[in-house]
């Protein structure tokens, strides 16, 4: 069974820079191992540290869970995750292994215990992980079941089990030193997302608002009671309130509340919002939920024939809801409930052009969707979404027109241009494809785009090539990898050396050095010596292996330049200068003639 991931999804979750770097890591074979265990991928990816970084990607019905041991701490995916997923999509070194739970199922309790004890003895840090899991698993079987699947029987026991689980997850960090617990906060919050919050979303998706509210109430109450024990230096703990607020909005709008219940929930949301906002400034999600609770009855007046006095919002409504987020929540609910005319009406009234046009496509009103998009779209991202929806419905010509129109709109153009180039290649639309490629040359240049445009243009390519190369040089520093790859492909070696400049990117420098070794040995000698000497002079022992790899490049360049005697003198000088570095000395000796 294939795992549900595409290159488009990888681009969506990674910054342009991370995606480019990940591509380079994949192409330079920095993915050292790639293992699939059931619905999970595990990889080792070479990085800036001596030991490779470990990447794990778990595929589940409610999305992906990704992690990497590198220090990258932004919200998007790091280059190592990108490289691992690209290796899965395009590589051929995938190793299939039996899922761990299947292997463990055959063990007796005594064998399981023995395995854990041996592992703990070899890796003392593993003790804390075992303790944390035992705390979380310290539930009786009926409670544990209620946390991982929808309860089919006693609904009353579910909230208590959820509260207990939330407390145990958070308190599991209390035995650690604060400096150690800091590193596990994100894991705890992610566990809450993947388990308790995912359970609430399951009920929402099934249009079971009351059960969703019950789960969210228990989860929110327990989290508000306990969350201040978590180190929020990186705002990971407080960010969970945004996730809760989003779930509350859709659950409240799904629940079909009575007027009294809606008012009661609105007051509860307001109380939580004020408390969190006054102390921590993180109450926005619950202000949105307050408004959702009000809308749960005020926006049903026509269907239920409620009188005007009954649909007025209560006095003291905060008025601090974010209208756009609330609108998106209502649209999601309408779509799930099949209320398509209500969806279109709300999207049109709210100026949600993308939502309106793509829903028209889903309903089969393709000509209307195209006409509306050409008249109302303002952002390139909206054009991409509409064009993609039209293509999925088989309206490729309309999709092509929308995408071409989108190239003249506001916002980032790279994703739209890449999509349009792919479609133009399929349809053999040369002029459209070249236009898209020229946009990509400036926005997100890479060798793949260059070769696709070259193949599409055929004999006419020489007329477009100078403009592509000129636009490519206008790209920002984040696009340096793609620019260099194209220049190396075209054997414009001096321009590639100029483009790489003074970057500190080890992989990119190595890529250029290897490519120009035969033709520009002097530059390779200078760059290799500079890189190696900076490591050796600073006594960065963990990076001595990288230093030796640079020295091997220098040695090869000296040979190509017919300057081997100079290399021998240089190596002898290095061995004298670094004679006291006991780890480095034998590595340098390995570079002597006859050593390898």
Protein backbone atom coordinates (compact mmCIF):
# COMPACT_ATOMS: atom_id res chain seq x y z
CA UNK A 1 0.00 0.00 0.00
CA UNK A 2 1.34 3.43 -0.95
CA UNK A 3 1.63 6.07 1.74
CA UNK A 4 -0.40 9.21 1.13
CA UNK A 5 2.19 11.87 0.30
CA UNK A 6 2.99 13.87 -2.83
CA UNK A 7 5.65 16.36 -3.78
CA UNK A 8 3.00 19.09 -3.78
CA UNK A 9 2.17 18.28 -0.15
CA UNK A 10 5.86 18.39 0.78
CA UNK A 11 6.16 21.85 -0.80
CA UNK A 12 3.06 22.96 1.09
CA UNK A 13 4.55 22.05 4.47
CA UNK A 14 8.10 23.33 3.85
CA UNK A 15 9.46 26.79 3.18
CA UNK A 16 10.97 27.37 -0.25
CA UNK A 17 14.44 27.32 1.27
CA UNK A 18 13.85 24.08 3.20
CA UNK A 19 12.41 22.40 0.12
CA UNK A 20 15.36 23.43 -2.02
CA UNK A 21 17.86 22.32 0.59
CA UNK A 22 15.98 19.06 1.02
CA UNK A 23 16.12 18.47 -2.73
CA UNK A 24 19.86 19.03 -2.66
CA UNK A 25 20.28 16.64 0.27
CA UNK A 26 18.27 14.00 -1.55
CA UNK A 27 20.24 14.42 -4.78
CA UNK A 28 23.57 14.32 -2.96
CA UNK A 29 22.51 11.03 -1.28
CA UNK A 30 22.48 12.52 2.21
CA UNK A 31 19.61 10.16 3.10
CA UNK A 32 21.72 7.36 4.54
CA UNK A 33 18.89 4.96 5.36
CA UNK A 34 15.15 4.79 4.75
CA UNK A 35 12.94 2.23 6.46
CA UNK A 36 9.20 1.74 6.22
CA UNK A 37 7.36 0.08 9.08
CA UNK A 38 3.70 -0.18 8.18
CA UNK A 39 2.37 3.38 7.99
CA UNK A 40 5.57 5.00 9.29
CA UNK A 41 8.85 6.03 7.67
CA UNK A 42 12.14 6.23 9.54
CA UNK A 43 15.23 7.78 8.02
CA UNK A 44 18.77 8.84 8.84
CA UNK A 45 19.88 12.00 7.05
CA UNK A 46 23.39 13.39 7.01
CA UNK A 47 23.63 16.93 8.36
CA UNK A 48 26.07 19.40 9.87
CA UNK A 49 26.76 17.21 12.91
CA UNK A 50 28.93 14.06 12.94
CA UNK A 51 25.95 11.82 13.69
CA UNK A 52 23.09 11.78 11.19
CA UNK A 53 19.75 13.27 12.13
CA UNK A 54 16.82 10.91 12.65
CA UNK A 55 13.56 11.59 10.83
CA UNK A 56 10.24 9.90 11.54
CA UNK A 57 7.03 10.37 9.55
CA UNK A 58 3.83 8.67 10.71
CA UNK A 59 0.85 8.55 8.37
CA UNK A 60 -2.61 8.53 9.95
CA UNK A 61 -6.19 9.18 8.90
CA UNK A 62 -6.12 12.65 10.46
CA UNK A 63 -2.85 13.70 8.81
CA UNK A 64 0.90 13.39 9.16
CA UNK A 65 3.02 13.46 12.29
CA UNK A 66 6.65 14.36 11.56
CA UNK A 67 9.73 14.74 13.71
CA UNK A 68 13.45 15.29 13.25
CA UNK A 69 16.28 15.39 15.78
CA UNK A 70 17.86 18.47 14.17
CA UNK A 71 17.61 21.84 15.98
CA UNK A 72 15.28 23.40 13.36
CA UNK A 73 12.46 24.95 15.40
CA UNK A 74 10.15 26.67 12.91
CA UNK A 75 6.59 25.53 12.29
CA UNK A 76 7.28 24.11 8.82
CA UNK A 77 9.23 20.99 7.85
CA UNK A 78 13.02 20.99 7.95
CA UNK A 79 15.26 20.06 5.01
CA UNK A 80 15.96 16.62 6.51
CA UNK A 81 12.24 15.74 6.56
CA UNK A 82 11.94 16.99 2.98
CA UNK A 83 14.93 14.90 1.87
CA UNK A 84 13.57 11.76 3.53
CA UNK A 85 10.13 12.13 1.90
CA UNK A 86 11.65 12.86 -1.51
CA UNK A 87 13.76 9.73 -1.08
CA UNK A 88 10.57 7.78 -0.43
CA UNK A 89 8.86 9.23 -3.50
CA UNK A 90 11.75 9.11 -5.95
CA UNK A 91 14.47 6.91 -4.46
CA UNK A 92 15.04 3.17 -4.75
CA UNK A 93 16.67 2.36 -1.41
CA UNK A 94 13.55 1.83 0.69
CA UNK A 95 13.81 -1.03 3.16
CA UNK A 96 10.54 -2.65 4.23
CA UNK A 97 10.38 -3.95 7.80
CA UNK A 98 7.60 -5.45 9.84
CA UNK A 99 5.87 -2.86 12.06
CA UNK A 100 7.19 -2.88 15.59
CA UNK A 101 3.80 -3.61 17.12
CA UNK A 102 3.52 -6.75 14.97
CA UNK A 103 6.92 -7.97 16.10
CA UNK A 104 6.17 -7.22 19.74
CA UNK A 105 2.85 -9.06 19.56
CA UNK A 106 4.69 -12.38 19.36
CA UNK A 107 6.65 -11.75 22.57
CA UNK A 108 5.67 -13.10 25.96
CA UNK A 109 5.46 -10.61 28.85
CA UNK A 110 8.79 -11.91 30.17
CA UNK A 111 10.48 -11.46 26.78
CA UNK A 112 9.07 -7.95 26.52
CA UNK A 113 10.35 -7.06 29.97
CA UNK A 114 13.79 -8.50 29.21
CA UNK A 115 14.04 -6.51 25.96
CA UNK A 116 13.11 -3.24 27.70
CA UNK A 117 15.56 -3.81 30.54
CA UNK A 118 18.42 -4.56 28.13
CA UNK A 119 17.62 -1.49 26.06
CA UNK A 120 17.47 0.66 29.19
CA UNK A 121 20.88 -0.65 30.30
CA UNK A 122 22.46 0.30 26.97
CA UNK A 123 20.72 3.69 26.77
CA UNK A 124 20.16 5.22 30.22
CA UNK A 125 18.18 8.16 28.77
CA UNK A 126 15.60 5.61 27.67
CA UNK A 127 14.52 5.22 31.30
CA UNK A 128 12.72 8.56 31.28
CA UNK A 129 10.87 7.70 28.08
CA UNK A 130 9.73 4.41 29.59
CA UNK A 131 8.55 6.19 32.76
CA UNK A 132 6.53 8.68 30.74
CA UNK A 133 4.82 5.99 28.70
CA UNK A 134 4.00 3.97 31.81
CA UNK A 135 2.39 7.05 33.35
CA UNK A 136 0.24 7.66 30.28
CA UNK A 137 -0.68 3.99 30.06
CA UNK A 138 -1.62 3.88 33.74
CA UNK A 139 -5.33 3.57 32.88
CA UNK A 140 -7.57 0.55 33.17
CA UNK A 141 -8.48 -1.12 29.90
CA UNK A 142 -11.90 0.50 29.51
CA UNK A 143 -10.46 3.99 30.00
CA UNK A 144 -7.57 3.40 27.62
CA UNK A 145 -9.98 2.16 24.98
CA UNK A 146 -12.09 5.28 25.28
CA UNK A 147 -9.07 7.45 24.50
CA UNK A 148 -8.00 5.75 21.32
CA UNK A 149 -11.31 4.95 19.70
CA UNK A 150 -14.86 6.13 19.75
CA UNK A 151 -16.69 4.86 22.80
CA UNK A 152 -19.68 2.81 21.75
CA UNK A 153 -21.13 2.19 25.16
CA UNK A 154 -20.78 4.20 28.33
CA UNK A 155 -20.34 7.81 27.20
CA UNK A 156 -20.26 9.05 30.79
CA UNK A 157 -16.84 7.49 31.53
CA UNK A 158 -15.15 9.11 28.56
CA UNK A 159 -14.65 12.67 29.95
CA UNK A 160 -13.10 11.38 33.18
CA UNK A 161 -10.66 9.21 31.23
CA UNK A 162 -9.71 12.13 29.03
CA UNK A 163 -9.06 14.41 32.00
CA UNK A 164 -6.88 11.76 33.59
CA UNK A 165 -4.92 11.18 30.41
CA UNK A 166 -4.29 14.91 29.87
CA UNK A 167 -3.03 15.33 33.42
CA UNK A 168 -0.75 12.31 33.16
CA UNK A 169 0.74 13.41 29.86
CA UNK A 170 1.63 16.83 31.28
CA UNK A 171 2.74 15.61 34.71
CA UNK A 172 4.99 13.00 33.13
CA UNK A 173 7.54 15.81 32.66
CA UNK A 174 7.57 16.77 36.32
CA UNK A 175 10.22 14.19 37.29
CA UNK A 176 12.67 15.56 34.73
CA UNK A 177 15.09 18.41 35.26
CA UNK A 178 13.59 21.59 33.84
CA UNK A 179 16.33 21.77 31.22
CA UNK A 180 15.42 18.26 30.04
CA UNK A 181 11.64 18.71 30.27
CA UNK A 182 11.93 21.73 27.96
CA UNK A 183 12.83 19.44 25.05
CA UNK A 184 9.75 17.24 25.55
CA UNK A 185 7.04 19.92 25.68
CA UNK A 186 6.39 19.70 21.95
CA UNK A 187 6.05 15.92 22.20
CA UNK A 188 3.42 16.18 24.93
CA UNK A 189 1.41 18.77 23.02
CA UNK A 190 1.60 16.69 19.86
CA UNK A 191 0.36 13.64 21.78
CA UNK A 192 -2.69 15.67 22.84
CA UNK A 193 -3.30 16.66 19.22
CA UNK A 194 -2.92 13.11 17.95
CA UNK A 195 -5.13 11.52 20.60
CA UNK A 196 -7.62 13.58 22.62
CA UNK A 197 -8.06 16.41 20.11
CA UNK A 198 -8.18 13.98 17.20
CA UNK A 199 -11.01 12.15 18.97
CA UNK A 200 -13.01 15.38 19.15
CA UNK A 201 -12.41 16.01 15.45
CA UNK A 202 -13.60 12.48 14.67
CA UNK A 203 -16.95 13.34 16.26
CA UNK A 204 -17.09 16.67 14.40
CA UNK A 205 -16.41 14.94 11.07
CA UNK A 206 -19.21 12.49 11.87
CA UNK A 207 -21.59 15.41 12.56
CA UNK A 208 -21.87 14.33 16.21
CA UNK A 209 -21.65 17.74 17.86
CA UNK A 210 -22.71 16.73 21.40
CA UNK A 211 -20.03 14.04 21.68
CA UNK A 212 -17.43 16.44 20.28
CA UNK A 213 -18.40 19.06 22.89
CA UNK A 214 -18.12 16.50 25.67
CA UNK A 215 -14.58 15.53 24.64
CA UNK A 216 -13.50 19.14 24.15
CA UNK A 217 -14.89 20.21 27.50
CA UNK A 218 -12.90 17.54 29.36
CA UNK A 219 -9.76 18.20 27.33
CA UNK A 220 -9.92 21.98 27.71
CA UNK A 221 -10.67 21.98 31.42
CA UNK A 222 -7.80 19.60 32.17
CA UNK A 223 -5.37 21.47 29.92
CA UNK A 224 -6.17 24.88 31.41
CA UNK A 225 -5.63 23.43 34.88
CA UNK A 226 -2.26 21.90 34.03
CA UNK A 227 -0.64 23.76 31.14
CA UNK A 228 1.27 26.34 33.19
CA UNK A 229 3.52 23.49 34.36
CA UNK A 230 4.89 23.29 30.80
CA UNK A 231 7.83 25.41 29.66
CA UNK A 232 6.29 27.71 27.04
CA UNK A 233 9.55 29.36 25.95
CA UNK A 234 8.90 28.30 22.35
CA UNK A 235 5.13 28.96 22.54
CA UNK A 236 4.40 25.28 21.84
CA UNK A 237 2.13 24.86 24.85
CA UNK A 238 0.18 28.09 24.31
CA UNK A 239 -0.23 27.37 20.59
CA UNK A 240 -2.43 24.42 21.54
CA UNK A 241 -5.15 26.90 22.56
CA UNK A 242 -5.44 27.93 18.91
CA UNK A 243 -6.05 24.29 17.99
CA UNK A 244 -8.64 23.99 20.73
CA UNK A 245 -10.40 27.16 19.62
CA UNK A 246 -10.63 25.94 16.05
CA UNK A 247 -12.15 22.64 17.16
CA UNK A 248 -14.58 24.38 19.51
CA UNK A 249 -15.84 26.61 16.70
CA UNK A 250 -16.76 23.72 14.42
CA UNK A 251 -18.13 21.55 17.24
CA UNK A 252 -20.42 24.34 18.47
CA UNK A 253 -21.66 25.08 14.96
CA UNK A 254 -22.22 21.36 14.36
CA UNK A 255 -24.14 20.71 17.58
CA UNK A 256 -27.49 22.36 16.66
CA UNK A 257 -27.75 23.90 20.12
CA UNK A 258 -30.88 25.19 21.74
CA UNK A 259 -30.96 28.87 22.60
CA UNK A 260 -30.31 28.25 26.29
CA UNK A 261 -27.47 25.82 25.62
CA UNK A 262 -25.93 28.15 23.08
CA UNK A 263 -25.96 31.04 25.56
CA UNK A 264 -24.44 28.83 28.26
CA UNK A 265 -21.62 27.71 25.97
CA UNK A 266 -21.01 31.31 24.84
CA UNK A 267 -20.55 32.37 28.47
CA UNK A 268 -18.16 29.46 29.07
CA UNK A 269 -16.07 30.38 26.02
CA UNK A 270 -16.00 34.02 27.09
CA UNK A 271 -14.82 33.11 30.58
CA UNK A 272 -11.96 30.96 29.27
CA UNK A 273 -11.04 33.58 26.68
CA UNK A 274 -10.89 36.42 29.22
CA UNK A 275 -8.86 34.32 31.64
CA UNK A 276 -6.32 33.24 29.04
CA UNK A 277 -6.16 36.65 27.40
CA UNK A 278 -5.61 38.65 30.58
CA UNK A 279 -2.90 36.34 31.92
CA UNK A 280 -1.18 35.15 28.75
CA UNK A 281 -2.64 36.87 25.69
CA UNK A 282 -3.75 33.57 24.14
CA UNK A 283 -7.53 33.79 24.31
CA UNK A 284 -8.31 34.58 20.67
CA UNK A 285 -9.40 31.07 19.76
CA UNK A 286 -12.03 31.09 22.49
CA UNK A 287 -13.36 34.50 21.48
CA UNK A 288 -13.99 32.90 18.09
CA UNK A 289 -15.68 29.98 19.84
CA UNK A 290 -17.87 32.42 21.81
CA UNK A 291 -19.13 33.89 18.56
CA UNK A 292 -19.62 30.38 17.15
CA UNK A 293 -21.81 29.48 20.12
CA UNK A 294 -23.95 32.55 19.45
CA UNK A 295 -24.16 31.78 15.74
CA UNK A 296 -25.22 28.23 16.53
CA UNK A 297 -28.69 29.57 17.20
CA UNK A 298 -28.87 33.10 15.74
CA UNK A 299 -28.11 31.80 12.22
CA UNK A 300 -30.89 29.20 12.28
CA UNK A 301 -33.74 31.69 12.43
CA UNK A 302 -35.08 31.04 8.93
CA UNK A 303 -34.97 27.25 9.16
CA UNK A 304 -36.59 27.07 12.58
CA UNK A 305 -38.91 30.07 12.32
CA UNK A 306 -37.54 31.68 15.50
CA UNK A 307 -38.78 35.13 16.32
CA UNK A 308 -36.52 38.22 16.17
CA UNK A 309 -36.43 38.49 19.97
CA UNK A 310 -35.09 34.95 20.22
CA UNK A 311 -32.19 35.27 17.79
CA UNK A 312 -30.50 38.34 19.26
CA UNK A 313 -27.05 37.67 20.70
CA UNK A 314 -26.71 38.05 24.46
CA UNK A 315 -25.62 41.31 26.03
CA UNK A 316 -21.91 41.63 26.62
CA UNK A 317 -20.73 39.67 23.57
CA UNK A 318 -17.00 40.38 23.39
CA UNK A 319 -16.99 41.25 19.70
CA UNK A 320 -13.38 40.02 19.49
CA UNK A 321 -13.92 37.12 17.14
CA UNK A 322 -11.89 36.93 13.93
CA UNK A 323 -14.58 37.06 11.21
CA UNK A 324 -12.53 35.18 8.61
CA UNK A 325 -11.79 32.23 10.89
CA UNK A 326 -15.40 32.02 11.97
CA UNK A 327 -16.56 32.12 8.38
CA UNK A 328 -14.21 29.30 7.45
CA UNK A 329 -15.57 27.21 10.31
CA UNK A 330 -19.16 27.76 9.17
CA UNK A 331 -18.22 26.89 5.59
CA UNK A 332 -16.64 23.64 6.74
CA UNK A 333 -19.77 22.73 8.66
CA UNK A 334 -22.05 23.55 5.72
CA UNK A 335 -19.90 21.43 3.40
CA UNK A 336 -19.98 18.44 5.75
CA UNK A 337 -23.73 18.70 6.17
CA UNK A 338 -24.37 19.00 2.44
CA UNK A 339 -25.86 22.50 2.81
CA UNK A 340 -24.34 23.70 -0.45
CA UNK A 341 -26.61 26.65 -1.16
CA UNK A 342 -25.98 27.95 2.37
CA UNK A 343 -22.26 27.46 1.68
CA UNK A 344 -22.40 29.46 -1.56
CA UNK A 345 -24.49 32.19 -0.02
CA UNK A 346 -22.13 32.64 2.93
CA UNK A 347 -19.00 32.47 0.75
CA UNK A 348 -20.39 35.12 -1.60
CA UNK A 349 -21.53 37.41 1.21
CA UNK A 350 -18.18 37.08 2.97
CA UNK A 351 -16.04 37.68 -0.09
CA UNK A 352 -14.55 34.17 0.05
CA UNK A 353 -13.84 34.03 -3.67
CA UNK A 354 -11.76 30.85 -3.61
CA UNK A 355 -14.27 28.94 -1.50
CA UNK A 356 -17.18 30.08 -3.67
CA UNK A 357 -15.55 29.24 -7.00
CA UNK A 358 -14.20 25.85 -5.93
CA UNK A 359 -17.58 24.83 -4.51
CA UNK A 360 -19.12 25.70 -7.86
CA UNK A 361 -16.66 23.26 -9.41
CA UNK A 362 -17.58 20.53 -6.91
CA UNK A 363 -21.23 21.04 -7.80
CA UNK A 364 -20.44 20.68 -11.51
CA UNK A 365 -21.11 24.31 -12.41
CA UNK A 366 -17.80 24.61 -14.27
CA UNK A 367 -18.51 27.46 -16.68
CA UNK A 368 -19.91 29.57 -13.86
CA UNK A 369 -16.85 28.83 -11.75
CA UNK A 370 -14.45 29.89 -14.51
CA UNK A 371 -16.34 33.08 -15.27
CA UNK A 372 -16.51 34.01 -11.59
CA UNK A 373 -12.80 33.30 -11.09
CA UNK A 374 -11.72 35.40 -14.05
CA UNK A 375 -13.81 38.26 -12.71
CA UNK A 376 -13.15 38.08 -8.96
CA UNK A 377 -9.87 36.32 -8.17
CA UNK A 378 -7.20 38.56 -6.71
CA UNK A 379 -4.53 36.15 -5.40
CA UNK A 380 -2.38 33.67 -7.33
CA UNK A 381 -3.00 31.07 -4.62
CA UNK A 382 -6.74 31.26 -5.33
CA UNK A 383 -6.13 30.79 -9.04
CA UNK A 384 -4.06 27.68 -8.30
CA UNK A 385 -6.78 26.20 -6.12
CA UNK A 386 -9.50 26.86 -8.70
CA UNK A 387 -7.39 25.65 -11.63
CA UNK A 388 -6.59 22.44 -9.77
CA UNK A 389 -10.25 21.83 -9.02
CA UNK A 390 -11.20 22.40 -12.67
CA UNK A 391 -8.51 20.02 -13.92
CA UNK A 392 -9.73 17.30 -11.54
CA UNK A 393 -13.17 17.66 -13.11
CA UNK A 394 -11.66 17.24 -16.58
CA UNK A 395 -12.00 20.90 -17.59
CA UNK A 396 -8.33 21.23 -18.59
CA UNK A 397 -8.77 24.13 -21.00
CA UNK A 398 -10.61 26.15 -18.35
CA UNK A 399 -7.93 25.23 -15.83
CA UNK A 400 -5.25 26.46 -18.23
CA UNK A 401 -7.03 29.80 -18.70
CA UNK A 402 -7.46 30.34 -14.95
CA UNK A 403 -3.82 29.49 -14.25
CA UNK A 404 -2.54 31.81 -16.99
CA UNK A 405 -4.73 34.58 -15.62
CA UNK A 406 -3.36 33.89 -12.14
CA UNK A 407 0.21 34.67 -13.20
CA UNK A 408 -0.83 38.33 -13.30
CA UNK A 409 -2.34 38.36 -9.80
CA UNK A 410 -0.90 39.27 -6.40
CA UNK A 411 1.04 36.98 -4.09
CA UNK A 412 3.74 34.34 -4.56
CA UNK A 413 3.67 32.89 -8.06
CA UNK A 414 6.04 29.93 -7.86
CA UNK A 415 3.53 27.19 -6.95
CA UNK A 416 1.07 28.35 -9.61
CA UNK A 417 3.78 28.64 -12.27
CA UNK A 418 5.11 25.15 -11.47
CA UNK A 419 1.60 23.69 -11.70
CA UNK A 420 0.93 25.51 -14.98
CA UNK A 421 4.21 24.31 -16.49
CA UNK A 422 3.31 20.70 -15.71
CA UNK A 423 -0.10 21.09 -17.30
CA UNK A 424 1.32 22.87 -20.34
CA UNK A 425 3.78 20.01 -20.87
CA UNK A 426 0.90 17.49 -20.76
CA UNK A 427 -1.10 19.53 -23.27
CA UNK A 428 1.93 20.53 -25.39
CA UNK A 429 1.07 24.19 -24.91
CA UNK A 430 4.49 25.63 -25.72
CA UNK A 431 3.91 29.36 -25.25
CA UNK A 432 2.00 28.89 -22.01
CA UNK A 433 4.65 26.55 -20.65
CA UNK A 434 7.51 28.88 -21.52
CA UNK A 435 5.71 31.78 -19.85
CA UNK A 436 5.32 29.71 -16.70
CA UNK A 437 8.97 28.61 -16.85
CA UNK A 438 10.19 32.20 -17.13
CA UNK A 439 8.20 33.10 -14.03
CA UNK A 440 9.79 30.15 -12.22
CA UNK A 441 13.25 31.22 -13.40
CA UNK A 442 12.92 34.28 -11.18
CA UNK A 443 10.73 32.91 -8.42
CA UNK A 444 12.05 29.37 -7.88
CA UNK A 445 14.72 28.32 -10.40
CA UNK A 446 15.87 24.72 -10.53
CA UNK A 447 17.24 22.24 -13.02
CA UNK A 448 13.98 20.33 -13.29
CA UNK A 449 12.16 23.46 -14.49
CA UNK A 450 14.98 24.32 -16.88
CA UNK A 451 14.98 20.88 -18.51
CA UNK A 452 11.17 20.76 -18.73
CA UNK A 453 11.08 24.12 -20.49
CA UNK A 454 13.93 23.09 -22.78
CA UNK A 455 12.15 19.90 -23.80
CA UNK A 456 8.86 21.71 -24.32
CA UNK A 457 10.38 24.44 -26.49
CA UNK A 458 12.38 22.03 -28.66
CA UNK A 459 14.29 23.77 -31.40
CA UNK A 460 12.97 27.15 -30.26
CA UNK A 461 14.74 26.85 -26.90
CA UNK A 462 17.83 28.83 -27.93
CA UNK A 463 15.59 31.85 -28.30
CA UNK A 464 14.32 31.52 -24.72
CA UNK A 465 17.53 30.31 -23.02
CA UNK A 466 19.22 33.74 -22.55
CA UNK A 467 16.09 35.20 -20.92
CA UNK A 468 15.75 32.21 -18.58
CA UNK A 469 19.37 32.52 -17.45
CA UNK A 470 19.05 36.30 -17.01
CA UNK A 471 15.88 36.00 -14.93
CA UNK A 472 17.40 33.21 -12.90
CA UNK A 473 20.19 35.50 -11.74
CA UNK A 474 17.57 37.85 -10.27
CA UNK A 475 16.46 35.16 -7.82
CA UNK A 476 17.15 35.66 -4.13
CA UNK A 477 19.87 33.98 -2.07
CA UNK A 478 17.44 31.29 -0.92
CA UNK A 479 17.32 30.04 -4.51
CA UNK A 480 21.09 29.70 -4.85
CA UNK A 481 20.94 25.89 -5.02
CA UNK A 482 18.69 25.89 -8.07
CA UNK A 483 20.71 28.58 -9.83
CA UNK A 484 23.96 26.66 -9.30
CA UNK A 485 22.46 23.39 -10.56
CA UNK A 486 21.39 25.03 -13.81
CA UNK A 487 24.75 26.74 -14.31
CA UNK A 488 26.62 23.49 -13.71
CA UNK A 489 24.36 21.69 -16.15
CA UNK A 490 25.16 24.31 -18.76
CA UNK A 491 28.87 24.04 -17.85
CA UNK A 492 28.97 27.74 -17.00
CA UNK A 493 31.53 26.96 -14.34
CA UNK A 494 32.83 30.46 -13.67
CA UNK A 495 29.29 31.72 -13.21
CA UNK A 496 28.53 28.79 -10.88
CA UNK A 497 31.60 29.65 -8.79
CA UNK A 498 30.47 33.27 -8.67
CA UNK A 499 26.94 32.23 -7.71
CA UNK A 500 28.08 30.04 -4.84
CA UNK A 501 29.97 33.04 -3.45
CA UNK A 502 30.86 32.97 0.22
CA UNK A 503 28.06 30.65 1.26
CA UNK A 504 28.59 28.53 4.34
CA UNK A 505 26.57 25.71 2.81
CA UNK A 506 28.87 22.69 2.94
CA UNK A 507 26.76 20.60 0.55
CA UNK A 508 26.53 23.30 -2.10
CA UNK A 509 30.26 24.06 -1.98
CA UNK A 510 31.04 20.36 -2.25
CA UNK A 511 28.64 20.00 -5.17
CA UNK A 512 30.37 22.79 -7.10
CA UNK A 513 33.87 21.61 -6.18
CA UNK A 514 33.16 18.10 -7.48
CA UNK A 515 31.63 19.45 -10.68
CA UNK A 516 34.46 21.85 -11.60
CA UNK A 517 37.35 19.67 -10.40
CA UNK A 518 38.65 18.89 -13.89
CA UNK A 519 38.22 22.37 -15.33
CA UNK A 520 38.92 24.66 -12.37
CA UNK A 521 41.43 22.79 -10.15
CA UNK A 522 42.93 25.98 -8.70
CA UNK A 523 39.59 27.11 -7.29
CA UNK A 524 38.99 23.62 -5.88
CA UNK A 525 42.41 23.68 -4.21
CA UNK A 526 41.78 27.07 -2.62
CA UNK A 527 38.25 26.28 -1.48
CA UNK A 528 39.13 22.82 -0.18
CA UNK A 529 42.09 24.08 1.81
CA UNK A 530 40.01 26.91 3.24
CA UNK A 531 37.24 24.56 4.36
CA UNK A 532 39.57 21.92 5.79
CA UNK A 533 41.86 24.36 7.57
CA UNK A 534 38.98 26.17 9.27
CA UNK A 535 37.91 22.85 10.83
CA UNK A 536 41.40 21.71 11.80
CA UNK A 537 42.63 25.06 13.12
CA UNK A 538 39.56 25.38 15.35
CA UNK A 539 40.05 21.80 16.58
CA UNK A 540 36.47 20.82 15.75
CA UNK A 541 37.10 17.14 16.33
CA UNK A 542 33.56 16.07 15.49
CA UNK A 543 34.03 17.49 11.97
CA UNK A 544 37.48 16.05 11.19
CA UNK A 545 35.86 13.60 8.79
CA UNK A 546 34.54 16.51 6.74
CA UNK A 547 37.98 18.14 6.80
CA UNK A 548 39.56 14.98 5.38
CA UNK A 549 36.95 14.83 2.62
CA UNK A 550 37.92 18.38 1.65
CA UNK A 551 41.60 17.45 1.70
CA UNK A 552 40.88 14.54 -0.64
CA UNK A 553 39.34 17.01 -3.07
CA UNK A 554 42.41 19.19 -2.76
CA UNK A 555 44.67 16.20 -3.41
CA UNK A 556 42.70 15.30 -6.56
CA UNK A 557 42.90 18.90 -7.78
CA UNK A 558 46.66 19.05 -7.19
CA UNK A 559 47.06 15.89 -9.27
CA UNK A 560 44.92 17.25 -12.10
CA UNK A 561 47.02 20.44 -12.06
CA UNK A 562 50.20 18.31 -12.14
CA UNK A 563 51.32 19.74 -8.79
CA UNK A 564 51.65 16.58 -6.70
CA UNK A 565 54.94 17.62 -5.12
CA UNK A 566 53.23 20.75 -3.82
CA UNK A 567 50.49 18.57 -2.35
CA UNK A 568 53.02 16.38 -0.53
CA UNK A 569 54.69 19.44 1.01
CA UNK A 570 51.34 20.83 2.05
CA UNK A 571 50.29 17.53 3.67
CA UNK A 572 53.62 17.25 5.49
CA UNK A 573 53.15 20.78 6.83
CA UNK A 574 49.65 19.90 8.05
CA UNK A 575 50.96 16.84 9.89
CA UNK A 576 53.52 18.98 11.69
CA UNK A 577 51.04 21.74 12.55
CA UNK A 578 48.46 19.30 13.91
CA UNK A 579 50.77 16.67 15.39
CA UNK A 580 49.22 17.07 18.85
CA UNK A 581 45.67 16.42 17.64
CA UNK A 582 45.58 12.70 18.30
CA UNK A 583 42.26 12.08 16.57
CA UNK A 584 43.26 13.99 13.45
CA UNK A 585 46.83 12.71 13.06
CA UNK A 586 45.98 9.17 11.83
CA UNK A 587 43.37 10.60 9.49
CA UNK A 588 46.01 12.82 7.88
CA UNK A 589 48.42 9.90 7.66
CA UNK A 590 45.73 8.09 5.68
CA UNK A 591 46.20 10.71 2.92
CA UNK A 592 49.86 9.84 2.36
CA UNK A 593 50.90 7.89 -0.77
CA UNK A 594 50.24 4.20 -0.41
CA UNK A 595 48.00 4.65 2.64
CA UNK A 596 44.80 4.11 0.69
